[in-house]
């Protein structure tokens, strides 16, 4: 094999992305643990809190995360037992249900976010000049949209109405 292939900038780019992700993930996990959350539970809370009505259909939550539909069900079950989420039936489709952040879930996020934002600033965004950060965000969105087109599923739908027969997204 040609030695130059090991110096390919594509391999370097992916390697740097993986190393940066691993370093940030380790810092995040320790901080989440201080607040009684796993990384996936934090991701679920954030996805829901940033969605219309603080809720998503379970299938959209699965599409936005790295979890299978059964994985989302298990996480939501656990978080529902802990009082962080609740399920709500979909008024327009009895086969679907929504995961909804509870007041306790929002409180847990409020307690967790200051430390999370400090880590982001110290170890990620604070390492980059504004123009470099904007370019990175643009590039990451392009890659994300290409490799994970469902990453924003359900995030732009208006909050569903509670009336039977209301149109869903």
N, C-alpha and C. Protein backbone atom coordinates (compact mmCIF):
# COMPACT_ATOMS: atom_id res chain seq x y z
N UNK A 1 0.84 -1.17 0.00
CA UNK A 1 0.00 0.00 0.00
C UNK A 1 0.89 1.24 0.00
N UNK A 2 0.46 2.23 -0.73
CA UNK A 2 1.20 3.47 -0.85
C UNK A 2 1.18 4.22 0.50
N UNK A 3 2.36 4.58 1.00
CA UNK A 3 2.47 5.27 2.29
C UNK A 3 1.72 6.61 2.28
N UNK A 4 1.62 7.25 1.12
CA UNK A 4 0.96 8.56 1.05
C UNK A 4 -0.52 8.49 1.40
N UNK A 5 -1.13 7.32 1.24
CA UNK A 5 -2.55 7.19 1.56
C UNK A 5 -2.79 7.46 3.05
N UNK A 6 -1.83 7.17 3.90
CA UNK A 6 -1.99 7.41 5.34
C UNK A 6 -1.95 8.90 5.68
N UNK A 7 -1.40 9.70 4.79
CA UNK A 7 -1.33 11.14 4.99
C UNK A 7 -2.49 11.87 4.30
N UNK A 8 -3.45 11.12 3.80
CA UNK A 8 -4.58 11.71 3.09
C UNK A 8 -5.32 12.68 4.01
N UNK A 9 -5.57 13.91 3.57
CA UNK A 9 -6.25 14.89 4.41
C UNK A 9 -7.67 14.48 4.79
N UNK A 10 -8.28 13.60 4.02
CA UNK A 10 -9.62 13.11 4.38
C UNK A 10 -9.56 12.27 5.64
N UNK A 11 -8.52 11.44 5.75
CA UNK A 11 -8.33 10.63 6.96
C UNK A 11 -8.03 11.54 8.14
N UNK A 12 -7.21 12.55 7.92
CA UNK A 12 -6.89 13.51 8.98
C UNK A 12 -8.15 14.23 9.45
N UNK A 13 -8.99 14.67 8.52
CA UNK A 13 -10.22 15.40 8.87
C UNK A 13 -11.14 14.55 9.73
N UNK A 14 -11.37 13.32 9.31
CA UNK A 14 -12.25 12.45 10.09
C UNK A 14 -11.61 12.11 11.44
N UNK A 15 -10.32 11.87 11.46
CA UNK A 15 -9.64 11.58 12.72
C UNK A 15 -9.74 12.74 13.70
N UNK A 16 -9.55 13.96 13.22
CA UNK A 16 -9.66 15.13 14.10
C UNK A 16 -11.09 15.29 14.62
N UNK A 17 -12.07 15.05 13.77
CA UNK A 17 -13.47 15.14 14.19
C UNK A 17 -13.77 14.11 15.29
N UNK A 18 -13.32 12.89 15.09
CA UNK A 18 -13.54 11.83 16.08
C UNK A 18 -12.83 12.16 17.39
N UNK A 19 -11.60 12.63 17.32
CA UNK A 19 -10.85 12.96 18.54
C UNK A 19 -11.50 14.12 19.29
N UNK A 20 -11.94 15.15 18.55
CA UNK A 20 -12.61 16.29 19.19
C UNK A 20 -13.91 15.84 19.85
N UNK A 21 -14.66 15.01 19.15
CA UNK A 21 -15.92 14.51 19.70
C UNK A 21 -15.67 13.69 20.97
N UNK A 22 -14.68 12.83 20.94
CA UNK A 22 -14.38 12.00 22.12
C UNK A 22 -13.98 12.86 23.31
N UNK A 23 -13.15 13.87 23.09
CA UNK A 23 -12.73 14.74 24.18
C UNK A 23 -13.88 15.53 24.77
N UNK A 24 -14.72 16.09 23.91
CA UNK A 24 -15.89 16.83 24.40
C UNK A 24 -16.87 15.90 25.09
N UNK A 25 -17.11 14.74 24.51
CA UNK A 25 -18.07 13.79 25.09
C UNK A 25 -17.68 13.38 26.50
N UNK A 26 -16.40 13.16 26.73
CA UNK A 26 -15.93 12.78 28.06
C UNK A 26 -16.19 13.90 29.07
N UNK A 27 -15.93 15.13 28.67
CA UNK A 27 -16.19 16.26 29.57
C UNK A 27 -17.69 16.42 29.82
N UNK A 28 -18.49 16.29 28.77
CA UNK A 28 -19.95 16.41 28.93
C UNK A 28 -20.50 15.31 29.84
N UNK A 29 -20.05 14.07 29.64
CA UNK A 29 -20.58 12.95 30.42
C UNK A 29 -20.35 13.16 31.91
N UNK A 30 -19.17 13.63 32.27
CA UNK A 30 -18.88 13.86 33.69
C UNK A 30 -19.79 14.95 34.25
N UNK A 31 -20.02 15.99 33.48
CA UNK A 31 -20.88 17.08 33.94
C UNK A 31 -22.34 16.64 34.01
N UNK A 32 -22.81 15.85 33.06
CA UNK A 32 -24.20 15.36 33.09
C UNK A 32 -24.41 14.47 34.31
N UNK A 33 -23.41 13.64 34.61
CA UNK A 33 -23.52 12.72 35.75
C UNK A 33 -23.73 13.50 37.06
N UNK A 34 -23.11 14.66 37.17
CA UNK A 34 -23.30 15.50 38.36
C UNK A 34 -24.77 15.88 38.55
N UNK A 35 -25.54 15.86 37.47
CA UNK A 35 -26.95 16.25 37.51
C UNK A 35 -27.88 15.05 37.33
N UNK A 36 -27.33 13.85 37.46
CA UNK A 36 -28.15 12.65 37.40
C UNK A 36 -28.68 12.33 36.01
N UNK A 37 -27.94 12.72 34.98
CA UNK A 37 -28.35 12.44 33.60
C UNK A 37 -27.26 11.68 32.87
N UNK A 38 -27.68 10.82 31.96
CA UNK A 38 -26.74 10.21 31.03
C UNK A 38 -26.66 11.13 29.81
N UNK A 39 -25.64 10.95 28.99
CA UNK A 39 -25.56 11.77 27.77
C UNK A 39 -26.81 11.64 26.89
N UNK A 40 -27.35 10.43 26.75
CA UNK A 40 -28.53 10.26 25.90
C UNK A 40 -29.76 10.92 26.53
N UNK A 41 -29.88 10.88 27.84
CA UNK A 41 -31.00 11.54 28.50
C UNK A 41 -30.92 13.06 28.32
N UNK A 42 -29.71 13.61 28.41
CA UNK A 42 -29.54 15.04 28.16
C UNK A 42 -29.92 15.37 26.72
N UNK A 43 -29.47 14.54 25.77
CA UNK A 43 -29.81 14.78 24.37
C UNK A 43 -31.31 14.76 24.15
N UNK A 44 -32.00 13.80 24.74
CA UNK A 44 -33.45 13.70 24.61
C UNK A 44 -34.12 14.95 25.19
N UNK A 45 -33.71 15.35 26.39
CA UNK A 45 -34.29 16.55 26.99
C UNK A 45 -34.06 17.79 26.12
N UNK A 46 -32.84 17.92 25.60
CA UNK A 46 -32.54 19.09 24.75
C UNK A 46 -33.35 19.05 23.46
N UNK A 47 -33.43 17.90 22.82
CA UNK A 47 -34.20 17.80 21.57
C UNK A 47 -35.65 18.18 21.81
N UNK A 48 -36.21 17.71 22.90
CA UNK A 48 -37.62 18.02 23.21
C UNK A 48 -37.79 19.48 23.60
N UNK A 49 -36.91 19.99 24.44
CA UNK A 49 -37.03 21.37 24.91
C UNK A 49 -36.89 22.36 23.76
N UNK A 50 -36.14 22.00 22.73
CA UNK A 50 -35.93 22.89 21.58
C UNK A 50 -36.98 22.69 20.49
N UNK A 51 -37.93 21.84 20.71
CA UNK A 51 -38.97 21.54 19.72
C UNK A 51 -40.25 22.29 20.07
N UNK A 52 -41.10 22.54 19.07
CA UNK A 52 -42.37 23.21 19.33
C UNK A 52 -43.18 22.49 20.41
N UNK A 53 -43.64 23.23 21.39
CA UNK A 53 -44.43 22.65 22.47
C UNK A 53 -43.64 21.74 23.39
N UNK A 54 -42.30 21.79 23.31
CA UNK A 54 -41.42 20.93 24.12
C UNK A 54 -41.74 19.46 23.93
N UNK A 55 -42.07 19.08 22.71
CA UNK A 55 -42.46 17.69 22.45
C UNK A 55 -42.12 17.29 21.02
N UNK A 56 -41.99 15.99 20.84
CA UNK A 56 -41.79 15.39 19.52
C UNK A 56 -42.51 14.05 19.49
N UNK A 57 -42.94 13.68 18.28
CA UNK A 57 -43.44 12.31 18.12
C UNK A 57 -42.28 11.38 18.41
N UNK A 58 -42.58 10.24 18.96
CA UNK A 58 -41.54 9.27 19.30
C UNK A 58 -40.71 8.92 18.06
N UNK A 59 -41.36 8.79 16.90
CA UNK A 59 -40.62 8.46 15.68
C UNK A 59 -39.68 9.59 15.27
N UNK A 60 -40.10 10.84 15.47
CA UNK A 60 -39.22 11.96 15.16
C UNK A 60 -38.06 12.04 16.14
N UNK A 61 -38.32 11.73 17.40
CA UNK A 61 -37.25 11.70 18.40
C UNK A 61 -36.21 10.65 18.03
N UNK A 62 -36.67 9.51 17.56
CA UNK A 62 -35.76 8.47 17.11
C UNK A 62 -34.94 8.95 15.91
N UNK A 63 -35.60 9.62 14.96
CA UNK A 63 -34.91 10.11 13.77
C UNK A 63 -33.88 11.17 14.12
N UNK A 64 -34.13 11.96 15.16
CA UNK A 64 -33.21 13.04 15.52
C UNK A 64 -32.03 12.55 16.35
N UNK A 65 -32.14 11.39 16.94
CA UNK A 65 -31.08 10.88 17.79
C UNK A 65 -30.41 9.68 17.12
N UNK A 66 -29.46 9.13 17.79
CA UNK A 66 -28.80 7.93 17.28
C UNK A 66 -29.48 6.67 17.78
N UNK A 67 -30.70 6.81 18.33
CA UNK A 67 -31.40 5.68 18.92
C UNK A 67 -32.39 5.05 17.95
N UNK A 68 -32.54 3.76 18.06
CA UNK A 68 -33.59 3.06 17.32
C UNK A 68 -34.93 3.40 17.96
N UNK A 69 -36.02 3.01 17.32
CA UNK A 69 -37.33 3.27 17.92
C UNK A 69 -37.47 2.53 19.24
N UNK A 70 -36.95 1.31 19.34
CA UNK A 70 -37.02 0.60 20.62
C UNK A 70 -36.11 1.24 21.65
N UNK A 71 -34.98 1.77 21.21
CA UNK A 71 -34.07 2.47 22.12
C UNK A 71 -34.72 3.73 22.68
N UNK A 72 -35.41 4.48 21.83
CA UNK A 72 -36.13 5.67 22.30
C UNK A 72 -37.20 5.27 23.30
N UNK A 73 -37.91 4.19 23.01
CA UNK A 73 -38.95 3.73 23.93
C UNK A 73 -38.36 3.43 25.30
N UNK A 74 -37.22 2.74 25.35
CA UNK A 74 -36.59 2.40 26.63
C UNK A 74 -36.15 3.65 27.38
N UNK A 75 -35.54 4.60 26.67
CA UNK A 75 -35.08 5.84 27.31
C UNK A 75 -36.27 6.65 27.81
N UNK A 76 -37.30 6.78 26.99
CA UNK A 76 -38.48 7.54 27.40
C UNK A 76 -39.16 6.85 28.58
N UNK A 77 -39.24 5.52 28.58
CA UNK A 77 -39.81 4.80 29.72
C UNK A 77 -39.06 5.16 31.01
N UNK A 78 -37.74 5.11 30.95
CA UNK A 78 -36.91 5.40 32.13
C UNK A 78 -37.09 6.86 32.56
N UNK A 79 -37.09 7.77 31.62
CA UNK A 79 -37.21 9.18 31.95
C UNK A 79 -38.62 9.52 32.44
N UNK A 80 -39.61 8.79 31.94
CA UNK A 80 -40.98 8.98 32.42
C UNK A 80 -41.08 8.51 33.88
N UNK A 81 -40.47 7.38 34.19
CA UNK A 81 -40.45 6.90 35.59
C UNK A 81 -39.77 7.91 36.51
N UNK A 82 -38.75 8.61 35.99
CA UNK A 82 -38.03 9.61 36.78
C UNK A 82 -38.75 10.96 36.81
N UNK A 83 -39.87 11.07 36.09
CA UNK A 83 -40.65 12.30 36.10
C UNK A 83 -40.14 13.40 35.18
N UNK A 84 -39.18 13.08 34.32
CA UNK A 84 -38.60 14.09 33.43
C UNK A 84 -39.41 14.28 32.15
N UNK A 85 -40.13 13.25 31.75
CA UNK A 85 -40.94 13.27 30.54
C UNK A 85 -42.29 12.65 30.83
N UNK A 86 -43.20 12.89 29.92
CA UNK A 86 -44.47 12.16 29.92
C UNK A 86 -44.82 11.87 28.48
N UNK A 87 -45.64 10.87 28.29
CA UNK A 87 -46.14 10.55 26.95
C UNK A 87 -47.50 11.21 26.79
N UNK A 88 -47.78 11.60 25.54
CA UNK A 88 -49.08 12.17 25.23
C UNK A 88 -49.54 11.55 23.92
N UNK A 89 -50.77 11.09 23.91
CA UNK A 89 -51.32 10.47 22.69
C UNK A 89 -51.44 11.53 21.60
N UNK A 90 -51.23 11.11 20.39
CA UNK A 90 -51.40 11.98 19.23
C UNK A 90 -52.89 12.03 18.89
N UNK A 91 -53.49 13.23 18.88
CA UNK A 91 -54.92 13.31 18.62
C UNK A 91 -55.31 12.94 17.19
N UNK A 92 -54.37 13.06 16.25
CA UNK A 92 -54.71 12.79 14.86
C UNK A 92 -54.28 11.41 14.38
N UNK A 93 -53.51 10.68 15.19
CA UNK A 93 -53.02 9.36 14.78
C UNK A 93 -52.84 8.51 16.04
N UNK A 94 -53.77 7.60 16.27
CA UNK A 94 -53.72 6.80 17.50
C UNK A 94 -52.51 5.88 17.56
N UNK A 95 -51.83 5.67 16.44
CA UNK A 95 -50.64 4.83 16.45
C UNK A 95 -49.42 5.57 16.98
N UNK A 96 -49.50 6.90 17.01
CA UNK A 96 -48.36 7.71 17.43
C UNK A 96 -48.56 8.28 18.81
N UNK A 97 -47.44 8.57 19.45
CA UNK A 97 -47.50 9.30 20.72
C UNK A 97 -46.34 10.28 20.74
N UNK A 98 -46.48 11.25 21.62
CA UNK A 98 -45.47 12.28 21.79
C UNK A 98 -44.74 12.06 23.10
N UNK A 99 -43.45 12.39 23.10
CA UNK A 99 -42.69 12.51 24.34
C UNK A 99 -42.68 14.00 24.64
N UNK A 100 -43.03 14.35 25.87
CA UNK A 100 -43.17 15.75 26.27
C UNK A 100 -42.34 15.99 27.53
N UNK A 101 -41.55 17.05 27.53
CA UNK A 101 -40.77 17.40 28.71
C UNK A 101 -41.71 17.90 29.80
N UNK A 102 -41.51 17.42 31.02
CA UNK A 102 -42.29 17.88 32.17
C UNK A 102 -41.59 19.09 32.80
N UNK A 103 -42.27 19.70 33.76
CA UNK A 103 -41.66 20.81 34.50
C UNK A 103 -40.38 20.34 35.19
N UNK A 104 -40.40 19.12 35.72
CA UNK A 104 -39.20 18.57 36.38
C UNK A 104 -38.06 18.39 35.37
N UNK A 105 -38.39 17.98 34.15
CA UNK A 105 -37.38 17.84 33.11
C UNK A 105 -36.77 19.18 32.72
N UNK A 106 -37.62 20.20 32.61
CA UNK A 106 -37.11 21.54 32.30
C UNK A 106 -36.26 22.08 33.44
N UNK A 107 -36.65 21.79 34.68
CA UNK A 107 -35.84 22.21 35.82
C UNK A 107 -34.48 21.54 35.79
N UNK A 108 -34.45 20.24 35.48
CA UNK A 108 -33.17 19.52 35.40
C UNK A 108 -32.29 20.13 34.31
N UNK A 109 -32.89 20.48 33.18
CA UNK A 109 -32.12 21.15 32.12
C UNK A 109 -31.59 22.49 32.60
N UNK A 110 -32.43 23.28 33.26
CA UNK A 110 -32.00 24.58 33.77
C UNK A 110 -30.82 24.45 34.73
N UNK A 111 -30.79 23.39 35.50
CA UNK A 111 -29.69 23.15 36.43
C UNK A 111 -28.42 22.69 35.72
N UNK A 112 -28.60 21.97 34.62
CA UNK A 112 -27.48 21.37 33.90
C UNK A 112 -26.85 22.32 32.90
N UNK A 113 -27.65 23.16 32.27
CA UNK A 113 -27.16 23.97 31.16
C UNK A 113 -26.03 24.94 31.50
N UNK A 114 -26.02 25.63 32.63
CA UNK A 114 -24.90 26.55 32.86
C UNK A 114 -23.53 25.87 32.78
N UNK A 115 -23.39 24.73 33.41
CA UNK A 115 -22.12 24.00 33.34
C UNK A 115 -21.83 23.47 31.95
N UNK A 116 -22.87 23.02 31.27
CA UNK A 116 -22.72 22.52 29.90
C UNK A 116 -22.22 23.64 28.98
N UNK A 117 -22.82 24.81 29.12
CA UNK A 117 -22.41 25.95 28.28
C UNK A 117 -20.99 26.39 28.60
N UNK A 118 -20.59 26.30 29.86
CA UNK A 118 -19.20 26.63 30.21
C UNK A 118 -18.23 25.69 29.51
N UNK A 119 -18.56 24.40 29.51
CA UNK A 119 -17.69 23.42 28.84
C UNK A 119 -17.64 23.72 27.34
N UNK A 120 -18.77 23.99 26.74
CA UNK A 120 -18.80 24.31 25.31
C UNK A 120 -17.92 25.51 25.01
N UNK A 121 -18.09 26.57 25.82
CA UNK A 121 -17.30 27.79 25.60
C UNK A 121 -15.81 27.53 25.80
N UNK A 122 -15.46 26.84 26.87
CA UNK A 122 -14.04 26.63 27.18
C UNK A 122 -13.35 25.72 26.16
N UNK A 123 -14.01 24.63 25.80
CA UNK A 123 -13.33 23.60 25.03
C UNK A 123 -13.72 23.54 23.56
N UNK A 124 -14.73 24.31 23.13
CA UNK A 124 -15.16 24.23 21.73
C UNK A 124 -15.26 25.62 21.11
N UNK A 125 -16.36 26.32 21.34
CA UNK A 125 -16.58 27.59 20.64
C UNK A 125 -15.53 28.63 21.01
N UNK A 126 -15.07 28.62 22.24
CA UNK A 126 -14.05 29.58 22.66
C UNK A 126 -12.69 29.35 22.02
N UNK A 127 -12.49 28.21 21.41
CA UNK A 127 -11.22 27.91 20.74
C UNK A 127 -11.16 28.50 19.32
N UNK A 128 -12.29 29.02 18.85
CA UNK A 128 -12.38 29.47 17.45
C UNK A 128 -12.75 30.94 17.35
N UNK A 129 -12.19 31.60 16.37
CA UNK A 129 -12.60 32.97 16.04
C UNK A 129 -14.02 32.90 15.48
N UNK A 130 -14.81 33.98 15.59
CA UNK A 130 -16.20 33.95 15.09
C UNK A 130 -16.33 33.48 13.64
N UNK A 131 -15.47 33.93 12.75
CA UNK A 131 -15.57 33.50 11.34
C UNK A 131 -15.27 32.01 11.20
N UNK A 132 -14.31 31.52 11.94
CA UNK A 132 -13.97 30.09 11.89
C UNK A 132 -15.12 29.26 12.45
N UNK A 133 -15.75 29.73 13.52
CA UNK A 133 -16.89 29.02 14.10
C UNK A 133 -18.04 28.98 13.10
N UNK A 134 -18.33 30.10 12.46
CA UNK A 134 -19.42 30.14 11.47
C UNK A 134 -19.14 29.18 10.32
N UNK A 135 -17.91 29.14 9.83
CA UNK A 135 -17.55 28.22 8.75
C UNK A 135 -17.67 26.77 9.21
N UNK A 136 -17.24 26.50 10.44
CA UNK A 136 -17.34 25.14 10.97
C UNK A 136 -18.81 24.72 11.08
N UNK A 137 -19.64 25.60 11.63
CA UNK A 137 -21.07 25.29 11.76
C UNK A 137 -21.70 25.02 10.39
N UNK A 138 -21.35 25.82 9.41
CA UNK A 138 -21.89 25.61 8.06
C UNK A 138 -21.44 24.25 7.52
N UNK A 139 -20.18 23.93 7.67
CA UNK A 139 -19.67 22.65 7.20
C UNK A 139 -20.29 21.47 7.93
N UNK A 140 -20.43 21.58 9.25
CA UNK A 140 -21.03 20.50 10.02
C UNK A 140 -22.49 20.29 9.64
N UNK A 141 -23.23 21.37 9.40
CA UNK A 141 -24.63 21.21 8.97
C UNK A 141 -24.71 20.49 7.62
N UNK A 142 -23.83 20.83 6.71
CA UNK A 142 -23.83 20.16 5.41
C UNK A 142 -23.56 18.66 5.56
N UNK A 143 -22.56 18.34 6.35
CA UNK A 143 -22.22 16.92 6.55
C UNK A 143 -23.36 16.22 7.27
N UNK A 144 -23.89 16.83 8.34
CA UNK A 144 -25.00 16.24 9.08
C UNK A 144 -26.20 15.99 8.18
N UNK A 145 -26.56 16.96 7.36
CA UNK A 145 -27.72 16.81 6.48
C UNK A 145 -27.50 15.70 5.45
N UNK A 146 -26.26 15.50 5.03
CA UNK A 146 -25.95 14.45 4.06
C UNK A 146 -26.00 13.06 4.70
N UNK A 147 -25.41 12.93 5.88
CA UNK A 147 -25.30 11.60 6.50
C UNK A 147 -26.44 11.26 7.43
N UNK A 148 -27.20 12.27 7.87
CA UNK A 148 -28.30 12.04 8.82
C UNK A 148 -29.46 12.98 8.47
N UNK A 149 -30.11 12.74 7.32
CA UNK A 149 -31.14 13.66 6.86
C UNK A 149 -32.34 13.78 7.79
N UNK A 150 -32.57 12.84 8.69
CA UNK A 150 -33.69 12.91 9.62
C UNK A 150 -33.37 13.67 10.90
N UNK A 151 -32.20 14.27 10.98
CA UNK A 151 -31.74 14.88 12.22
C UNK A 151 -32.62 16.01 12.73
N UNK A 152 -33.42 16.58 11.87
CA UNK A 152 -34.30 17.67 12.32
C UNK A 152 -35.77 17.31 12.18
N UNK A 153 -36.07 16.03 12.03
CA UNK A 153 -37.45 15.58 11.84
C UNK A 153 -38.36 16.08 12.95
N UNK A 154 -39.44 16.71 12.56
CA UNK A 154 -40.44 17.18 13.51
C UNK A 154 -40.09 18.46 14.21
N UNK A 155 -38.92 19.02 13.95
CA UNK A 155 -38.50 20.19 14.71
C UNK A 155 -39.11 21.49 14.20
N UNK A 156 -39.72 21.46 13.04
CA UNK A 156 -40.29 22.69 12.50
C UNK A 156 -41.81 22.67 12.46
N UNK A 157 -42.40 21.59 12.90
CA UNK A 157 -43.86 21.51 12.94
C UNK A 157 -44.40 22.37 14.07
N UNK A 158 -45.52 23.01 13.88
CA UNK A 158 -46.11 23.72 15.01
C UNK A 158 -46.54 22.71 16.06
N UNK A 159 -46.65 23.16 17.28
CA UNK A 159 -47.09 22.27 18.36
C UNK A 159 -48.47 21.73 18.02
N UNK A 160 -48.68 20.43 18.17
CA UNK A 160 -49.96 19.85 17.81
C UNK A 160 -51.07 20.34 18.72
N UNK A 161 -52.24 20.51 18.13
CA UNK A 161 -53.41 20.92 18.91
C UNK A 161 -53.93 19.73 19.70
N UNK A 162 -54.57 19.99 20.81
CA UNK A 162 -55.06 18.92 21.66
C UNK A 162 -56.46 18.45 21.24
N UNK A 163 -57.02 19.07 20.23
CA UNK A 163 -58.38 18.67 19.82
C UNK A 163 -58.32 17.44 18.94
N UNK A 164 -59.27 16.51 19.14
CA UNK A 164 -59.32 15.34 18.26
C UNK A 164 -59.50 15.79 16.82
N UNK A 165 -58.80 15.11 15.94
CA UNK A 165 -58.92 15.41 14.53
C UNK A 165 -58.04 16.56 14.07
N UNK A 166 -57.25 17.15 14.98
CA UNK A 166 -56.38 18.24 14.58
C UNK A 166 -55.31 17.69 13.64
N UNK A 167 -54.94 18.49 12.70
CA UNK A 167 -53.95 18.05 11.72
C UNK A 167 -52.60 17.92 12.39
N UNK A 168 -51.90 16.85 12.10
CA UNK A 168 -50.53 16.67 12.59
C UNK A 168 -49.58 16.92 11.46
N UNK A 169 -48.29 16.94 11.76
CA UNK A 169 -47.28 17.16 10.72
C UNK A 169 -46.89 15.85 10.08
